[in-house]
Amino acid sequence: MVRGRDPLWFLGTLARLKLDGQETGGRFALWEGVLPHGAAPPLHSHPQDETFYVLEGEVTAWIVDSELANDQSEPPGWVAECGQRGGVGMVAFAPGGTPHTFRVESDTAKMLFLSTPAGVEEYVKALAEPAAWPWLQPPPDGPRVSPERIKAVEESLGMIRHGPSPPPSN
């Protein structure tokens, strides 16, 4: 199967779904993201395994032990203990249920995201909007999506927030 899709704006990033669970019998989903400097989701987990692969740019990835994920200090201990920084070719694997996050260190980064089985792409679909142009949108004046909507989607998909996004790099 060969598939092309229109780009989506997803929480300040540009996403291109390549294959979703409907097309793979639920086995996996694959999408590409272009992310701006500093982009960093909150420390989170979900039932699916997730793999990140860096195509362009530089990122720091955190795969965090569940006990460290509960650290409430500022910044949390996992920020210094678990971060792995890398560029093109870097790959990070977060088994299902494992807290994880990343932060874009370069001006932008292009990454592939693999969900096994499929399911994480539903988060993208639920919170994205069609991109008016095929590049990153400008910074918002306020939140791109309401916190209430994000929370409702996370709960419906079994995602758990373990902590905040990693702080900006120095």
N, C-alpha and C. Protein backbone atom coordinates (compact mmCIF):
# COMPACT_ATOMS: atom_id res chain seq x y z
N MET A 1 0.85 -1.17 0.00
CA MET A 1 0.00 0.00 0.00
C MET A 1 0.89 1.24 0.00
N VAL A 2 0.61 2.16 -0.86
CA VAL A 2 1.31 3.44 -0.90
C VAL A 2 0.29 4.51 -0.54
N ARG A 3 0.69 5.38 0.36
CA ARG A 3 -0.28 6.32 0.89
C ARG A 3 0.34 7.71 1.00
N GLY A 4 -0.38 8.73 0.59
CA GLY A 4 0.02 10.12 0.80
C GLY A 4 -1.12 10.84 1.50
N ARG A 5 -0.80 11.66 2.44
CA ARG A 5 -1.84 12.37 3.20
C ARG A 5 -1.50 13.84 3.28
N ASP A 6 -2.53 14.63 3.50
CA ASP A 6 -2.34 16.05 3.70
C ASP A 6 -1.72 16.28 5.08
N PRO A 7 -0.89 17.32 5.19
CA PRO A 7 -0.26 17.62 6.48
C PRO A 7 -1.28 18.15 7.49
N LEU A 8 -0.95 17.95 8.76
CA LEU A 8 -1.79 18.39 9.87
C LEU A 8 -0.97 19.26 10.81
N TRP A 9 -1.61 20.27 11.40
CA TRP A 9 -0.99 21.00 12.49
C TRP A 9 -1.42 20.30 13.77
N PHE A 10 -0.44 19.88 14.53
CA PHE A 10 -0.70 19.11 15.75
C PHE A 10 0.09 19.74 16.91
N LEU A 11 -0.61 20.52 17.73
CA LEU A 11 -0.03 21.11 18.94
C LEU A 11 1.32 21.80 18.66
N GLY A 12 1.34 22.62 17.62
CA GLY A 12 2.54 23.38 17.31
C GLY A 12 3.54 22.67 16.42
N THR A 13 3.21 21.48 15.95
CA THR A 13 4.09 20.73 15.06
C THR A 13 3.36 20.50 13.74
N LEU A 14 4.10 19.98 12.77
CA LEU A 14 3.50 19.60 11.50
C LEU A 14 3.59 18.08 11.40
N ALA A 15 2.46 17.42 11.31
CA ALA A 15 2.42 15.95 11.27
C ALA A 15 1.91 15.48 9.92
N ARG A 16 2.51 14.38 9.47
CA ARG A 16 2.04 13.71 8.24
C ARG A 16 1.85 12.24 8.59
N LEU A 17 0.59 11.83 8.68
CA LEU A 17 0.30 10.42 8.95
C LEU A 17 0.67 9.61 7.71
N LYS A 18 1.46 8.57 7.91
CA LYS A 18 1.88 7.72 6.80
C LYS A 18 0.99 6.48 6.72
N LEU A 19 0.81 5.80 7.84
CA LEU A 19 -0.10 4.65 7.95
C LEU A 19 -0.74 4.69 9.32
N ASP A 20 -2.03 4.41 9.38
CA ASP A 20 -2.69 4.34 10.68
C ASP A 20 -3.18 2.92 10.94
N GLY A 21 -3.74 2.71 12.10
CA GLY A 21 -4.18 1.38 12.50
C GLY A 21 -5.22 0.77 11.59
N GLN A 22 -6.07 1.58 10.98
CA GLN A 22 -7.06 1.05 10.05
C GLN A 22 -6.39 0.42 8.84
N GLU A 23 -5.24 0.96 8.44
CA GLU A 23 -4.56 0.46 7.24
C GLU A 23 -3.62 -0.70 7.52
N THR A 24 -3.30 -0.92 8.80
CA THR A 24 -2.35 -1.99 9.14
C THR A 24 -2.99 -3.08 9.98
N GLY A 25 -4.31 -3.11 10.03
CA GLY A 25 -4.99 -4.10 10.86
C GLY A 25 -4.67 -3.92 12.34
N GLY A 26 -4.35 -2.68 12.73
CA GLY A 26 -4.05 -2.39 14.13
C GLY A 26 -2.64 -2.75 14.55
N ARG A 27 -1.84 -3.28 13.64
CA ARG A 27 -0.49 -3.74 14.00
C ARG A 27 0.46 -2.61 14.37
N PHE A 28 0.40 -1.50 13.61
CA PHE A 28 1.27 -0.36 13.90
C PHE A 28 0.72 0.88 13.21
N ALA A 29 1.27 2.03 13.60
CA ALA A 29 0.99 3.29 12.93
C ALA A 29 2.31 4.03 12.78
N LEU A 30 2.44 4.79 11.70
CA LEU A 30 3.67 5.51 11.41
C LEU A 30 3.32 6.92 10.96
N TRP A 31 3.99 7.90 11.56
CA TRP A 31 3.82 9.28 11.10
C TRP A 31 5.13 10.03 11.23
N GLU A 32 5.19 11.11 10.46
CA GLU A 32 6.37 11.97 10.44
C GLU A 32 5.99 13.30 11.07
N GLY A 33 6.89 13.85 11.85
CA GLY A 33 6.65 15.15 12.46
C GLY A 33 7.79 16.10 12.20
N VAL A 34 7.45 17.35 11.94
CA VAL A 34 8.42 18.45 11.91
C VAL A 34 8.09 19.30 13.13
N LEU A 35 9.11 19.50 13.98
CA LEU A 35 8.88 20.13 15.27
C LEU A 35 9.81 21.32 15.45
N PRO A 36 9.33 22.40 16.10
CA PRO A 36 10.16 23.58 16.31
C PRO A 36 11.09 23.41 17.52
N HIS A 37 12.09 24.27 17.59
CA HIS A 37 13.01 24.30 18.73
C HIS A 37 12.20 24.35 20.03
N GLY A 38 12.59 23.54 21.00
CA GLY A 38 11.95 23.53 22.31
C GLY A 38 10.71 22.68 22.41
N ALA A 39 10.20 22.15 21.31
CA ALA A 39 9.00 21.30 21.38
C ALA A 39 9.28 20.14 22.32
N ALA A 40 8.38 19.93 23.28
CA ALA A 40 8.59 18.90 24.29
C ALA A 40 7.25 18.51 24.91
N PRO A 41 6.77 17.30 24.64
CA PRO A 41 5.53 16.88 25.29
C PRO A 41 5.76 16.64 26.77
N PRO A 42 4.71 16.68 27.58
CA PRO A 42 4.86 16.33 28.99
C PRO A 42 5.35 14.88 29.12
N LEU A 43 5.98 14.58 30.23
CA LEU A 43 6.35 13.19 30.52
C LEU A 43 5.05 12.39 30.57
N HIS A 44 4.95 11.36 29.75
CA HIS A 44 3.69 10.63 29.62
C HIS A 44 3.95 9.16 29.29
N SER A 45 2.90 8.38 29.37
CA SER A 45 2.95 6.99 28.91
C SER A 45 1.61 6.65 28.28
N HIS A 46 1.60 5.55 27.55
CA HIS A 46 0.38 5.04 26.94
C HIS A 46 0.56 3.54 26.76
N PRO A 47 -0.52 2.81 26.49
CA PRO A 47 -0.42 1.35 26.40
C PRO A 47 0.48 0.85 25.27
N GLN A 48 0.64 1.62 24.20
CA GLN A 48 1.41 1.18 23.04
C GLN A 48 2.91 1.45 23.25
N ASP A 49 3.74 0.62 22.61
CA ASP A 49 5.17 0.93 22.48
C ASP A 49 5.27 2.12 21.53
N GLU A 50 6.29 2.97 21.75
CA GLU A 50 6.51 4.07 20.83
C GLU A 50 8.01 4.18 20.54
N THR A 51 8.33 4.32 19.26
CA THR A 51 9.71 4.48 18.82
C THR A 51 9.82 5.81 18.10
N PHE A 52 10.88 6.58 18.43
CA PHE A 52 11.18 7.84 17.75
C PHE A 52 12.47 7.65 16.97
N TYR A 53 12.51 8.18 15.75
CA TYR A 53 13.71 8.12 14.92
C TYR A 53 13.97 9.51 14.37
N VAL A 54 15.16 10.06 14.59
CA VAL A 54 15.48 11.41 14.16
C VAL A 54 16.00 11.40 12.72
N LEU A 55 15.29 12.09 11.84
CA LEU A 55 15.67 12.22 10.44
C LEU A 55 16.51 13.46 10.19
N GLU A 56 16.18 14.55 10.89
CA GLU A 56 16.90 15.82 10.77
C GLU A 56 16.88 16.50 12.13
N GLY A 57 17.97 17.19 12.47
CA GLY A 57 18.01 17.96 13.70
C GLY A 57 18.61 17.21 14.86
N GLU A 58 18.38 17.75 16.06
CA GLU A 58 18.93 17.18 17.28
C GLU A 58 17.87 17.22 18.38
N VAL A 59 17.76 16.14 19.13
CA VAL A 59 16.79 16.06 20.22
C VAL A 59 17.44 15.42 21.45
N THR A 60 16.82 15.66 22.60
CA THR A 60 17.12 14.91 23.80
C THR A 60 15.89 14.07 24.10
N ALA A 61 16.09 12.78 24.35
CA ALA A 61 14.98 11.86 24.66
C ALA A 61 15.14 11.36 26.09
N TRP A 62 14.04 11.17 26.76
CA TRP A 62 14.01 10.62 28.11
C TRP A 62 13.10 9.39 28.13
N ILE A 63 13.64 8.27 28.53
CA ILE A 63 12.88 7.05 28.82
C ILE A 63 13.08 6.87 30.32
N VAL A 64 12.02 6.99 31.10
CA VAL A 64 12.13 7.19 32.54
C VAL A 64 11.55 6.01 33.32
N ASP A 65 12.29 5.53 34.31
CA ASP A 65 11.80 4.51 35.22
C ASP A 65 10.58 5.07 35.96
N SER A 66 9.57 4.24 36.16
CA SER A 66 8.33 4.70 36.78
C SER A 66 8.55 5.35 38.14
N GLU A 67 9.50 4.85 38.92
CA GLU A 67 9.76 5.45 40.24
C GLU A 67 10.31 6.87 40.11
N LEU A 68 11.19 7.09 39.15
CA LEU A 68 11.72 8.44 38.92
C LEU A 68 10.66 9.39 38.38
N ALA A 69 9.69 8.86 37.65
CA ALA A 69 8.65 9.69 37.05
C ALA A 69 7.82 10.42 38.09
N ASN A 70 7.78 9.91 39.32
CA ASN A 70 6.98 10.52 40.38
C ASN A 70 7.71 11.63 41.10
N ASP A 71 8.95 11.92 40.75
CA ASP A 71 9.75 12.96 41.38
C ASP A 71 9.09 14.32 41.17
N GLN A 72 8.77 15.02 42.24
CA GLN A 72 8.09 16.31 42.16
C GLN A 72 9.04 17.50 42.32
N SER A 73 10.35 17.25 42.39
CA SER A 73 11.29 18.36 42.56
C SER A 73 11.34 19.20 41.28
N GLU A 74 11.95 20.40 41.39
CA GLU A 74 12.06 21.30 40.24
C GLU A 74 13.51 21.54 39.91
N PRO A 75 14.07 21.16 38.81
CA PRO A 75 13.43 20.24 37.85
C PRO A 75 13.43 18.82 38.40
N PRO A 76 12.56 17.97 37.91
CA PRO A 76 12.53 16.59 38.38
C PRO A 76 13.86 15.88 38.14
N GLY A 77 14.22 14.94 39.00
CA GLY A 77 15.48 14.23 38.89
C GLY A 77 15.67 13.51 37.57
N TRP A 78 14.59 13.06 36.97
CA TRP A 78 14.72 12.32 35.71
C TRP A 78 15.30 13.18 34.60
N VAL A 79 15.16 14.52 34.70
CA VAL A 79 15.67 15.40 33.65
C VAL A 79 17.18 15.23 33.51
N ALA A 80 17.91 15.24 34.64
CA ALA A 80 19.37 15.10 34.60
C ALA A 80 19.82 13.65 34.46
N GLU A 81 19.06 12.72 35.02
CA GLU A 81 19.51 11.32 35.08
C GLU A 81 19.24 10.51 33.82
N CYS A 82 18.21 10.84 33.08
CA CYS A 82 17.76 9.93 32.01
C CYS A 82 17.88 10.49 30.60
N GLY A 83 18.28 11.72 30.42
CA GLY A 83 18.31 12.32 29.09
C GLY A 83 19.42 11.77 28.23
N GLN A 84 19.11 11.49 26.97
CA GLN A 84 20.08 11.07 25.96
C GLN A 84 19.91 11.99 24.76
N ARG A 85 20.98 12.72 24.43
CA ARG A 85 20.92 13.67 23.32
C ARG A 85 21.52 13.06 22.08
N GLY A 86 20.91 13.33 20.93
CA GLY A 86 21.44 12.79 19.69
C GLY A 86 20.89 13.50 18.47
N GLY A 87 21.49 13.21 17.34
CA GLY A 87 21.10 13.83 16.08
C GLY A 87 20.58 12.81 15.09
N VAL A 88 20.81 13.09 13.83
CA VAL A 88 20.31 12.24 12.75
C VAL A 88 20.69 10.78 13.02
N GLY A 89 19.72 9.90 12.93
CA GLY A 89 19.93 8.48 13.17
C GLY A 89 19.66 8.04 14.59
N MET A 90 19.48 8.98 15.51
CA MET A 90 19.17 8.61 16.89
C MET A 90 17.81 7.91 16.92
N VAL A 91 17.73 6.85 17.70
CA VAL A 91 16.46 6.15 17.87
C VAL A 91 16.24 5.95 19.36
N ALA A 92 15.00 6.10 19.79
CA ALA A 92 14.62 5.88 21.19
C ALA A 92 13.38 5.00 21.20
N PHE A 93 13.35 4.04 22.12
CA PHE A 93 12.23 3.10 22.23
C PHE A 93 11.64 3.18 23.63
N ALA A 94 10.35 3.44 23.72
CA ALA A 94 9.63 3.48 24.98
C ALA A 94 8.60 2.36 24.99
N PRO A 95 8.84 1.28 25.76
CA PRO A 95 7.84 0.22 25.85
C PRO A 95 6.51 0.75 26.40
N GLY A 96 5.42 0.13 26.01
CA GLY A 96 4.11 0.53 26.51
C GLY A 96 4.11 0.66 28.02
N GLY A 97 3.50 1.74 28.53
CA GLY A 97 3.41 1.98 29.95
C GLY A 97 4.62 2.67 30.55
N THR A 98 5.67 2.88 29.76
CA THR A 98 6.90 3.51 30.26
C THR A 98 6.84 5.02 30.06
N PRO A 99 7.05 5.81 31.12
CA PRO A 99 7.07 7.26 30.96
C PRO A 99 8.19 7.70 30.02
N HIS A 100 7.89 8.65 29.15
CA HIS A 100 8.88 9.12 28.18
C HIS A 100 8.50 10.50 27.68
N THR A 101 9.49 11.18 27.11
CA THR A 101 9.31 12.48 26.47
C THR A 101 10.55 12.77 25.63
N PHE A 102 10.56 13.91 25.00
CA PHE A 102 11.73 14.37 24.26
C PHE A 102 11.66 15.89 24.19
N ARG A 103 12.77 16.51 23.77
CA ARG A 103 12.81 17.96 23.56
C ARG A 103 13.66 18.23 22.32
N VAL A 104 13.19 19.10 21.44
CA VAL A 104 13.94 19.48 20.24
C VAL A 104 14.99 20.51 20.64
N GLU A 105 16.26 20.20 20.35
CA GLU A 105 17.38 21.08 20.70
C GLU A 105 17.80 21.97 19.54
N SER A 106 17.62 21.53 18.31
CA SER A 106 17.99 22.29 17.12
C SER A 106 16.86 23.26 16.75
N ASP A 107 17.08 24.09 15.72
CA ASP A 107 16.03 25.02 15.30
C ASP A 107 14.73 24.30 14.98
N THR A 108 14.84 23.18 14.28
CA THR A 108 13.72 22.29 14.01
C THR A 108 14.25 20.86 14.00
N ALA A 109 13.36 19.92 14.05
CA ALA A 109 13.72 18.51 13.91
C ALA A 109 12.63 17.83 13.10
N LYS A 110 13.05 16.85 12.32
CA LYS A 110 12.09 15.99 11.61
C LYS A 110 12.28 14.60 12.18
N MET A 111 11.18 13.99 12.62
CA MET A 111 11.24 12.69 13.27
C MET A 111 10.17 11.76 12.72
N LEU A 112 10.46 10.46 12.76
CA LEU A 112 9.44 9.43 12.51
C LEU A 112 8.99 8.90 13.85
N PHE A 113 7.70 8.62 13.96
CA PHE A 113 7.10 8.07 15.18
C PHE A 113 6.40 6.76 14.79
N LEU A 114 6.70 5.71 15.52
CA LEU A 114 6.11 4.40 15.27
C LEU A 114 5.38 3.94 16.52
N SER A 115 4.11 3.64 16.38
CA SER A 115 3.29 3.13 17.47
C SER A 115 3.02 1.65 17.20
N THR A 116 3.38 0.78 18.18
CA THR A 116 3.13 -0.65 18.05
C THR A 116 2.47 -1.17 19.32
N PRO A 117 1.26 -1.72 19.26
CA PRO A 117 0.38 -1.69 18.10
C PRO A 117 -0.06 -0.25 17.82
N ALA A 118 -0.88 -0.08 16.81
CA ALA A 118 -1.42 1.24 16.49
C ALA A 118 -2.19 1.79 17.68
N GLY A 119 -2.37 3.08 17.69
CA GLY A 119 -3.18 3.71 18.74
C GLY A 119 -2.71 5.11 19.08
N VAL A 120 -1.40 5.34 19.14
CA VAL A 120 -0.92 6.67 19.50
C VAL A 120 -1.31 7.69 18.42
N GLU A 121 -1.42 7.26 17.18
CA GLU A 121 -1.80 8.18 16.11
C GLU A 121 -3.20 8.76 16.31
N GLU A 122 -4.03 8.06 17.10
CA GLU A 122 -5.37 8.57 17.38
C GLU A 122 -5.31 9.87 18.17
N TYR A 123 -4.27 10.04 19.00
CA TYR A 123 -4.05 11.28 19.73
C TYR A 123 -3.78 12.41 18.74
N VAL A 124 -2.94 12.13 17.76
CA VAL A 124 -2.65 13.12 16.72
C VAL A 124 -3.94 13.49 15.99
N LYS A 125 -4.67 12.49 15.54
CA LYS A 125 -5.90 12.74 14.78
C LYS A 125 -6.91 13.55 15.59
N ALA A 126 -7.03 13.24 16.88
CA ALA A 126 -8.05 13.88 17.71
C ALA A 126 -7.74 15.34 18.01
N LEU A 127 -6.46 15.72 18.00
CA LEU A 127 -6.09 17.09 18.40
C LEU A 127 -5.54 17.92 17.25
N ALA A 128 -5.44 17.36 16.06
CA ALA A 128 -4.87 18.08 14.91
C ALA A 128 -5.95 18.78 14.11
N GLU A 129 -5.48 19.67 13.26
CA GLU A 129 -6.35 20.34 12.29
C GLU A 129 -5.62 20.34 10.95
N PRO A 130 -6.36 20.40 9.85
CA PRO A 130 -5.68 20.45 8.55
C PRO A 130 -4.74 21.65 8.49
N ALA A 131 -3.54 21.44 7.99
CA ALA A 131 -2.57 22.52 7.87
C ALA A 131 -2.96 23.42 6.70
N ALA A 132 -2.97 24.72 6.94
CA ALA A 132 -3.30 25.67 5.87
C ALA A 132 -2.15 25.80 4.88
N TRP A 133 -0.96 25.43 5.29
CA TRP A 133 0.23 25.38 4.43
C TRP A 133 1.13 24.28 4.96
N PRO A 134 2.02 23.72 4.14
CA PRO A 134 2.79 22.54 4.55
C PRO A 134 4.09 22.85 5.30
N TRP A 135 4.03 23.78 6.23
CA TRP A 135 5.18 24.04 7.11
C TRP A 135 4.65 24.44 8.47
N LEU A 136 5.54 24.62 9.43
CA LEU A 136 5.13 24.92 10.79
C LEU A 136 4.33 26.21 10.86
N GLN A 137 3.33 26.21 11.72
CA GLN A 137 2.53 27.41 11.90
C GLN A 137 3.24 28.35 12.86
N PRO A 138 2.89 29.65 12.85
CA PRO A 138 3.53 30.59 13.78
C PRO A 138 3.11 30.31 15.22
N PRO A 139 3.90 30.82 16.18
CA PRO A 139 3.53 30.62 17.60
C PRO A 139 2.16 31.24 17.89
N PRO A 140 1.40 30.64 18.80
CA PRO A 140 0.06 31.13 19.11
C PRO A 140 0.09 32.26 20.14
N ASP A 141 -1.01 33.00 20.22
CA ASP A 141 -1.18 33.99 21.28
C ASP A 141 -1.65 33.33 22.56
N GLY A 142 -2.27 32.17 22.45
CA GLY A 142 -2.78 31.42 23.59
C GLY A 142 -2.60 29.94 23.31
N PRO A 143 -3.25 29.08 24.10
CA PRO A 143 -3.09 27.64 23.85
C PRO A 143 -3.68 27.25 22.50
N ARG A 144 -3.00 26.31 21.83
CA ARG A 144 -3.47 25.85 20.52
C ARG A 144 -4.74 25.01 20.67
N VAL A 145 -4.78 24.21 21.74
CA VAL A 145 -5.93 23.37 22.04
C VAL A 145 -6.18 23.53 23.53
N SER A 146 -7.43 23.60 23.94
CA SER A 146 -7.73 23.82 25.35
C SER A 146 -7.23 22.66 26.21
N PRO A 147 -6.75 22.96 27.41
CA PRO A 147 -6.31 21.89 28.31
C PRO A 147 -7.40 20.86 28.58
N GLU A 148 -8.65 21.30 28.62
CA GLU A 148 -9.76 20.38 28.86
C GLU A 148 -9.90 19.37 27.72
N ARG A 149 -9.76 19.84 26.50
CA ARG A 149 -9.86 18.93 25.34
C ARG A 149 -8.69 17.95 25.33
N ILE A 150 -7.49 18.44 25.60
CA ILE A 150 -6.33 17.55 25.65
C ILE A 150 -6.53 16.48 26.71
N LYS A 151 -6.99 16.88 27.91
CA LYS A 151 -7.21 15.92 29.00
C LYS A 151 -8.25 14.88 28.60
N ALA A 152 -9.34 15.30 27.98
CA ALA A 152 -10.40 14.36 27.57
C ALA A 152 -9.86 13.35 26.56
N VAL A 153 -9.08 13.80 25.58
CA VAL A 153 -8.52 12.89 24.57
C VAL A 153 -7.54 11.93 25.24
N GLU A 154 -6.67 12.44 26.10
CA GLU A 154 -5.71 11.57 26.79
C GLU A 154 -6.44 10.48 27.58
N GLU A 155 -7.47 10.85 28.32
CA GLU A 155 -8.21 9.87 29.10
C GLU A 155 -8.88 8.83 28.21
N SER A 156 -9.44 9.26 27.09
CA SER A 156 -10.13 8.33 26.21
C SER A 156 -9.18 7.34 25.55
N LEU A 157 -7.90 7.70 25.42
CA LEU A 157 -6.91 6.84 24.76
C LEU A 157 -5.99 6.12 25.74
N GLY A 158 -6.22 6.27 27.05
CA GLY A 158 -5.41 5.58 28.04
C GLY A 158 -4.04 6.19 28.26
N MET A 159 -3.86 7.45 27.87
CA MET A 159 -2.58 8.12 28.10
C MET A 159 -2.54 8.64 29.53
N ILE A 160 -1.36 8.59 30.13
CA ILE A 160 -1.17 9.05 31.50
C ILE A 160 -0.07 10.11 31.50
N ARG A 161 -0.34 11.26 32.10
CA ARG A 161 0.70 12.27 32.31
C ARG A 161 1.38 11.98 33.63
N HIS A 162 2.70 11.82 33.56
CA HIS A 162 3.47 11.55 34.77
C HIS A 162 4.12 12.80 35.31
N GLY A 163 4.27 13.81 34.50
CA GLY A 163 4.94 15.03 34.93
C GLY A 163 4.94 16.05 33.82
N PRO A 164 5.63 17.16 34.06
CA PRO A 164 5.67 18.23 33.08
C PRO A 164 6.59 17.92 31.92
N SER A 165 6.59 18.80 30.95
CA SER A 165 7.58 18.73 29.88
C SER A 165 8.96 19.00 30.47
N PRO A 166 10.01 18.51 29.85
CA PRO A 166 11.34 18.86 30.33
C PRO A 166 11.55 20.37 30.18
N PRO A 167 12.33 20.97 31.08
CA PRO A 167 12.54 22.42 30.99
C PRO A 167 13.37 22.74 29.75
N PRO A 168 13.34 24.01 29.32
CA PRO A 168 14.16 24.40 28.17
C PRO A 168 15.64 24.13 28.45
N SER A 169 16.39 23.84 27.38
CA SER A 169 17.83 23.63 27.55
C SER A 169 18.51 24.97 27.69
N ASN A 170 19.68 24.96 28.30
CA ASN A 170 20.42 26.22 28.49
C ASN A 170 21.22 26.56 27.27
